[in-house]
Amino acid sequence: MAQHTQQTPLSKEDFLALGEDKIVYRRHLTGKQLKTMFPEAKDAPEQAEFEALFAADGTPVLITDDSAALRQWLDDTGHNVTVRH
């Protein structure tokens, strides 16, 4: 017979802290999307393509229009890339 253990769910804060400084997620953005998310990017061309990295808690870590800069940041910080569909 299988044993059952009761687990306490993680709080939102505890869940977000799991990936702190270790997990980032990547998102492709147009200039239009970037300006909507970050009003300080008001001068970004609307049709331009950007790549953004966000911490596990949603904090922006890097926003760039240069994919080489993104790869360099990942290399410099020791982050591994995992593809999730």
Foldseek 3Di string as FASTA:
>chain_A
DDDDDDDDDDDPVRVLCVQALADKDKDKDALLRVCVVPVVSVVGPRRQIKMWIATSVGHTDDIGSDVVVVVVVCVVSVHDDDDDD
